Amino acid sequence: MSSAAAELLVLRKRASTRILLAVWVLLGLLFAYLLPYLTYTGGAGALRSPLELMLPNRLADNLLGGYPFFGGVLALMLGVLAVGSDYGWDTLKTVFIQRPGRTRVLGAKLAALAVVLVLFVVASFLSGAVATYLIAGAEDAAVHWPSTLELVGGVAAGWFILATWASFGVLLAVASRGTALAIGLGILYALIIEGLLSALAGQVGWLEALVEYFLRANAYSLVSAIGSPTATLGPGSFFGPFVGAGQAIAVMSLYAVSFLVLSAVLLRRRDVA
């Protein structure tokens, strides 16, 4: 692979990351602040969003409501692109011949992915802080920011959720040896498997016990334990079942570790081509 092609791949990865970051920030502002504020100013009765949820003291739990689904799907795509694009450009063949072993290469990619996810969370919180400050000013409401401990906990929870979904994307990319199929399967799984079965859990008894171990249900349970509203409109809505915060952390940790271990095993034992 020529150096020019390698540089082009790096540029394409950076461009894709920036696009996903921009989409993520815009989605967060749209569903956490813009649409709720429009319903607050123009709605009536039950359709009117409470102003308290949009004020600065609710910054962390208001933003986290979008992480289990919208943020999760974007993180999954980011995980796919971090590994899967190297298959399409045949970069891995060159890297594995000239560089350290496959596990170390994967570890370096995962470390870079973890840092990028921190940037995603910080960008979300910074843009949310600006939006909530403007809303408080427009409504002449008092500005009281969350404590440092609450903000750190919110950032950590958000990163943990995104990292779990991103690890799923890494596994799909390694298993499919590419990006297109991996992204398609990930979105279909999030929307149809987890989304549809979660919606039917309240009507089918045995499904509820199964859904309690889904990635989406545990992610929503985690942010709900922090105080984030989860019953939103659209494909990101979730009404249960919820589990305890301890189970949510344990299940999501097990998912993340399993996804990454399987990715490493597949990458070591299978041909790159």
Protein backbone atom coordinates (compact mmCIF):
# COMPACT_ATOMS: atom_id res chain seq x y z
CA MET A 1 0.00 0.00 0.00
CA SER A 2 1.51 3.37 -1.01
CA SER A 3 2.08 6.19 1.45
CA ALA A 4 -0.36 8.38 -0.52
CA ALA A 5 -3.11 5.79 -0.15
CA ALA A 6 -2.36 5.44 3.57
CA GLU A 7 -2.58 9.21 4.04
CA LEU A 8 -5.86 9.24 2.12
CA LEU A 9 -7.27 6.56 4.43
CA VAL A 10 -6.27 8.58 7.49
CA LEU A 11 -7.92 11.68 6.05
CA ARG A 12 -11.10 9.73 5.33
CA LYS A 13 -11.18 8.38 8.87
CA ARG A 14 -10.77 11.86 10.30
CA ALA A 15 -13.51 13.22 8.05
CA SER A 16 -15.88 10.41 9.05
CA THR A 17 -15.15 11.01 12.72
CA ARG A 18 -15.84 14.73 12.37
CA ILE A 19 -19.12 14.05 10.58
CA LEU A 20 -20.24 11.62 13.28
CA LEU A 21 -19.22 14.10 15.96
CA ALA A 22 -21.20 16.90 14.31
CA VAL A 23 -24.25 14.66 13.93
CA TRP A 24 -23.95 13.56 17.56
CA VAL A 25 -23.78 17.13 18.88
CA LEU A 26 -26.70 18.22 16.73
CA LEU A 27 -28.84 15.25 17.81
CA GLY A 28 -28.06 15.97 21.45
CA LEU A 29 -29.07 19.61 21.14
CA LEU A 30 -32.16 18.73 19.13
CA PHE A 31 -33.65 16.12 21.46
CA ALA A 32 -32.33 17.39 24.79
CA TYR A 33 -33.00 21.12 24.35
CA LEU A 34 -34.44 22.43 21.08
CA LEU A 35 -37.52 20.20 20.77
CA PRO A 36 -38.29 20.24 24.52
CA TYR A 37 -37.97 24.02 24.59
CA LEU A 38 -40.27 24.40 21.58
CA THR A 39 -42.87 22.22 23.28
CA TYR A 40 -42.41 24.25 26.47
CA THR A 41 -43.05 27.54 24.70
CA GLY A 42 -45.76 26.30 22.34
CA GLY A 43 -47.28 23.24 24.02
CA ALA A 44 -50.11 22.98 26.48
CA GLY A 45 -50.96 20.63 29.31
CA ALA A 46 -49.34 17.21 29.05
CA LEU A 47 -47.63 18.20 25.77
CA ARG A 48 -45.66 20.95 27.47
CA SER A 49 -42.13 19.99 28.48
CA PRO A 50 -41.13 21.05 32.02
CA LEU A 51 -38.62 23.89 32.08
CA GLU A 52 -36.80 22.35 35.06
CA LEU A 53 -35.35 19.57 32.89
CA MET A 54 -33.68 22.12 30.60
CA LEU A 55 -31.99 24.24 33.27
CA PRO A 56 -28.25 24.07 34.01
CA ASN A 57 -28.59 22.04 37.22
CA ARG A 58 -30.04 19.16 35.14
CA LEU A 59 -27.28 19.24 32.51
CA ALA A 60 -25.87 15.76 33.10
CA ASP A 61 -29.06 13.73 33.46
CA ASN A 62 -30.80 15.62 30.63
CA LEU A 63 -28.03 14.88 28.14
CA LEU A 64 -27.55 11.25 29.16
CA GLY A 65 -31.07 10.35 28.01
CA GLY A 66 -29.83 10.28 24.41
CA TYR A 67 -26.77 8.12 25.01
CA PRO A 68 -28.26 4.59 25.15
CA PHE A 69 -29.76 4.77 21.66
CA PHE A 70 -28.71 7.74 19.48
CA GLY A 71 -25.25 7.96 20.98
CA GLY A 72 -24.94 4.19 21.04
CA VAL A 73 -25.67 3.79 17.33
CA LEU A 74 -23.17 6.52 16.41
CA ALA A 75 -20.55 4.96 18.69
CA LEU A 76 -21.19 1.60 17.02
CA MET A 77 -20.54 3.20 13.64
CA LEU A 78 -17.37 4.80 14.99
CA GLY A 79 -16.17 1.43 16.25
CA VAL A 80 -16.87 -0.12 12.86
CA LEU A 81 -14.96 2.60 11.01
CA ALA A 82 -12.01 2.40 13.41
CA VAL A 83 -11.30 -1.19 12.37
CA GLY A 84 -13.42 -2.07 9.35
CA SER A 85 -12.09 0.56 6.97
CA ASP A 86 -8.63 -1.02 7.15
CA TYR A 87 -10.04 -4.16 5.54
CA GLY A 88 -11.37 -2.30 2.53
CA TRP A 89 -8.07 -0.50 1.94
CA ASP A 90 -5.91 -3.62 2.66
CA THR A 91 -4.07 -1.63 5.33
CA LEU A 92 -4.04 -4.49 7.82
CA LYS A 93 -1.94 -6.72 5.57
CA THR A 94 0.85 -4.16 5.47
CA VAL A 95 0.58 -3.35 9.17
CA PHE A 96 0.68 -6.97 10.27
CA ILE A 97 3.78 -7.62 8.16
CA GLN A 98 5.78 -4.58 9.22
CA ARG A 99 4.48 -3.80 12.71
CA PRO A 100 3.90 -5.63 16.06
CA GLY A 101 1.47 -8.51 16.48
CA ARG A 102 -2.21 -8.40 15.70
CA THR A 103 -3.30 -8.08 19.32
CA ARG A 104 -1.06 -5.06 19.87
CA VAL A 105 -2.36 -3.41 16.71
CA LEU A 106 -5.94 -3.96 17.85
CA GLY A 107 -5.06 -2.65 21.32
CA ALA A 108 -3.63 0.55 19.83
CA LYS A 109 -6.78 1.07 17.77
CA LEU A 110 -8.97 0.52 20.82
CA ALA A 111 -6.93 3.00 22.85
CA ALA A 112 -7.34 5.63 20.14
CA LEU A 113 -11.06 4.85 19.94
CA ALA A 114 -11.39 5.30 23.71
CA VAL A 115 -9.79 8.75 23.50
CA VAL A 116 -12.08 9.78 20.63
CA LEU A 117 -15.12 8.72 22.66
CA VAL A 118 -13.98 11.02 25.47
CA LEU A 119 -14.01 13.88 22.95
CA PHE A 120 -17.54 12.90 21.90
CA VAL A 121 -18.78 13.05 25.48
CA VAL A 122 -17.01 16.31 26.29
CA ALA A 123 -18.33 17.94 23.10
CA SER A 124 -21.85 16.83 24.03
CA PHE A 125 -21.59 18.31 27.52
CA LEU A 126 -20.03 21.57 26.33
CA SER A 127 -22.68 22.16 23.66
CA GLY A 128 -25.39 21.21 26.16
CA ALA A 129 -23.97 23.69 28.68
CA VAL A 130 -24.21 26.49 26.13
CA ALA A 131 -27.78 25.53 25.21
CA THR A 132 -29.01 25.26 28.80
CA TYR A 133 -27.36 28.56 29.72
CA LEU A 134 -29.14 30.32 26.83
CA ILE A 135 -32.48 28.78 27.83
CA ALA A 136 -32.02 29.87 31.44
CA GLY A 137 -31.20 33.38 30.28
CA ALA A 138 -34.21 33.52 27.96
CA GLU A 139 -36.53 32.42 30.78
CA ASP A 140 -34.86 34.56 33.50
CA ALA A 141 -34.19 31.40 35.49
CA ALA A 142 -31.46 31.05 38.09
CA VAL A 143 -28.27 29.44 36.83
CA HIS A 144 -27.07 26.68 39.16
CA TRP A 145 -24.58 24.23 37.68
CA PRO A 146 -24.27 20.60 38.79
CA SER A 147 -21.51 19.71 41.21
CA THR A 148 -18.13 18.60 39.90
CA LEU A 149 -18.79 15.08 41.18
CA GLU A 150 -22.10 14.91 39.31
CA LEU A 151 -20.52 16.15 36.08
CA VAL A 152 -17.65 13.68 36.34
CA GLY A 153 -20.09 10.86 37.03
CA GLY A 154 -22.21 11.88 34.06
CA VAL A 155 -19.22 12.04 31.73
CA ALA A 156 -18.01 8.64 32.98
CA ALA A 157 -21.45 7.05 32.51
CA GLY A 158 -21.77 8.53 29.03
CA TRP A 159 -18.33 7.30 28.01
CA PHE A 160 -19.05 3.84 29.42
CA ILE A 161 -22.25 3.54 27.37
CA LEU A 162 -20.60 4.73 24.16
CA ALA A 163 -17.59 2.47 24.73
CA THR A 164 -19.81 -0.59 25.11
CA TRP A 165 -21.63 0.14 21.86
CA ALA A 166 -18.34 0.93 20.10
CA SER A 167 -16.91 -2.43 21.18
CA PHE A 168 -19.91 -4.06 19.53
CA GLY A 169 -19.07 -2.16 16.36
CA VAL A 170 -15.48 -3.39 16.51
CA LEU A 171 -16.68 -6.99 16.74
CA LEU A 172 -19.04 -6.55 13.79
CA ALA A 173 -16.26 -5.00 11.71
CA VAL A 174 -13.81 -7.82 12.45
CA ALA A 175 -16.46 -10.50 11.89
CA SER A 176 -17.63 -9.05 8.55
CA ARG A 177 -14.17 -7.80 7.47
CA GLY A 178 -15.53 -4.46 6.38
CA THR A 179 -17.75 -1.50 7.17
CA ALA A 180 -20.97 -1.53 5.13
CA LEU A 181 -22.34 -4.87 6.31
CA ALA A 182 -21.19 -4.24 9.88
CA ILE A 183 -22.96 -0.87 10.10
CA GLY A 184 -26.09 -2.30 8.51
CA LEU A 185 -26.22 -5.23 10.91
CA GLY A 186 -25.58 -2.96 13.89
CA ILE A 187 -28.38 -0.55 13.01
CA LEU A 188 -30.80 -3.39 12.26
CA TYR A 189 -29.97 -5.00 15.59
CA ALA A 190 -30.47 -1.76 17.53
CA LEU A 191 -33.74 -0.89 15.80
CA ILE A 192 -35.38 -4.25 15.17
CA ILE A 193 -34.01 -6.75 17.66
CA GLU A 194 -33.59 -4.59 20.73
CA GLY A 195 -36.07 -1.87 19.80
CA LEU A 196 -38.95 -4.11 18.74
CA LEU A 197 -38.53 -6.69 21.48
CA SER A 198 -38.26 -3.95 24.11
CA ALA A 199 -41.54 -2.48 22.86
CA LEU A 200 -43.23 -5.89 23.11
CA ALA A 201 -41.78 -6.76 26.52
CA GLY A 202 -44.73 -5.28 28.38
CA GLN A 203 -47.18 -7.47 26.44
CA VAL A 204 -45.28 -10.77 26.40
CA GLY A 205 -44.24 -12.00 29.82
CA TRP A 206 -41.19 -14.08 28.93
CA LEU A 207 -39.77 -11.28 26.76
CA GLU A 208 -39.39 -8.98 29.74
CA ALA A 209 -36.91 -11.33 31.42
CA LEU A 210 -34.95 -11.52 28.16
CA VAL A 211 -34.96 -7.76 27.52
CA GLU A 212 -33.53 -7.13 30.99
CA TYR A 213 -30.20 -8.42 29.65
CA PHE A 214 -30.24 -6.40 26.44
CA LEU A 215 -27.58 -3.77 25.97
CA ARG A 216 -30.12 -1.03 25.37
CA ALA A 217 -32.21 -1.85 28.45
CA ASN A 218 -29.18 -1.86 30.73
CA ALA A 219 -27.86 1.39 29.28
CA TYR A 220 -31.23 3.07 29.84
CA SER A 221 -31.35 1.63 33.36
CA LEU A 222 -27.96 3.14 34.11
CA VAL A 223 -28.92 6.66 33.01
CA SER A 224 -32.30 6.30 34.71
CA ALA A 225 -30.52 5.53 37.99
CA ILE A 226 -28.61 8.79 37.57
CA GLY A 227 -31.89 10.66 37.12
CA SER A 228 -32.11 11.01 33.38
CA PRO A 229 -35.55 11.00 31.69
CA THR A 230 -35.81 8.03 29.32
CA ALA A 231 -39.40 8.10 28.01
CA THR A 232 -38.73 10.23 24.94
CA LEU A 233 -40.42 10.38 21.55
CA GLY A 234 -39.20 8.57 18.46
CA PRO A 235 -36.98 5.49 18.04
CA GLY A 236 -35.02 6.37 21.16
CA SER A 237 -38.00 6.02 23.49
CA PHE A 238 -37.79 3.44 26.24
CA PHE A 239 -40.38 2.59 28.87
CA GLY A 240 -38.80 -0.44 30.51
CA PRO A 241 -38.10 -2.93 31.80
CA PHE A 242 -35.49 -1.33 34.05
CA VAL A 243 -32.89 -3.06 36.18
CA GLY A 244 -30.71 -1.91 39.04
CA ALA A 245 -27.62 0.20 38.42
CA GLY A 246 -25.37 -2.60 39.68
CA GLN A 247 -26.75 -5.11 37.21
CA ALA A 248 -26.60 -2.55 34.41
CA ILE A 249 -22.89 -1.90 35.01
CA ALA A 250 -22.12 -5.62 35.34
CA VAL A 251 -24.03 -6.63 32.19
CA MET A 252 -22.58 -3.83 30.08
CA SER A 253 -19.07 -4.58 31.31
CA LEU A 254 -19.55 -8.23 30.40
CA TYR A 255 -20.78 -7.23 26.94
CA ALA A 256 -17.82 -4.90 26.32
CA VAL A 257 -15.21 -7.42 27.47
CA SER A 258 -16.83 -10.24 25.50
CA PHE A 259 -17.03 -8.15 22.32
CA LEU A 260 -13.37 -7.16 22.54
CA VAL A 261 -12.12 -10.64 23.41
CA LEU A 262 -14.03 -12.15 20.50
CA SER A 263 -12.66 -9.45 18.22
CA ALA A 264 -9.11 -10.25 19.28
CA VAL A 265 -9.64 -13.98 18.82
CA LEU A 266 -11.12 -13.56 15.34
CA LEU A 267 -8.39 -11.14 14.30
CA ARG A 268 -5.65 -13.52 15.44
CA ARG A 269 -7.04 -16.72 13.95
CA ARG A 270 -8.61 -15.62 10.67
CA ASP A 271 -7.01 -14.47 7.44
CA VAL A 272 -7.17 -10.74 6.91
CA ALA A 273 -8.38 -11.02 3.31
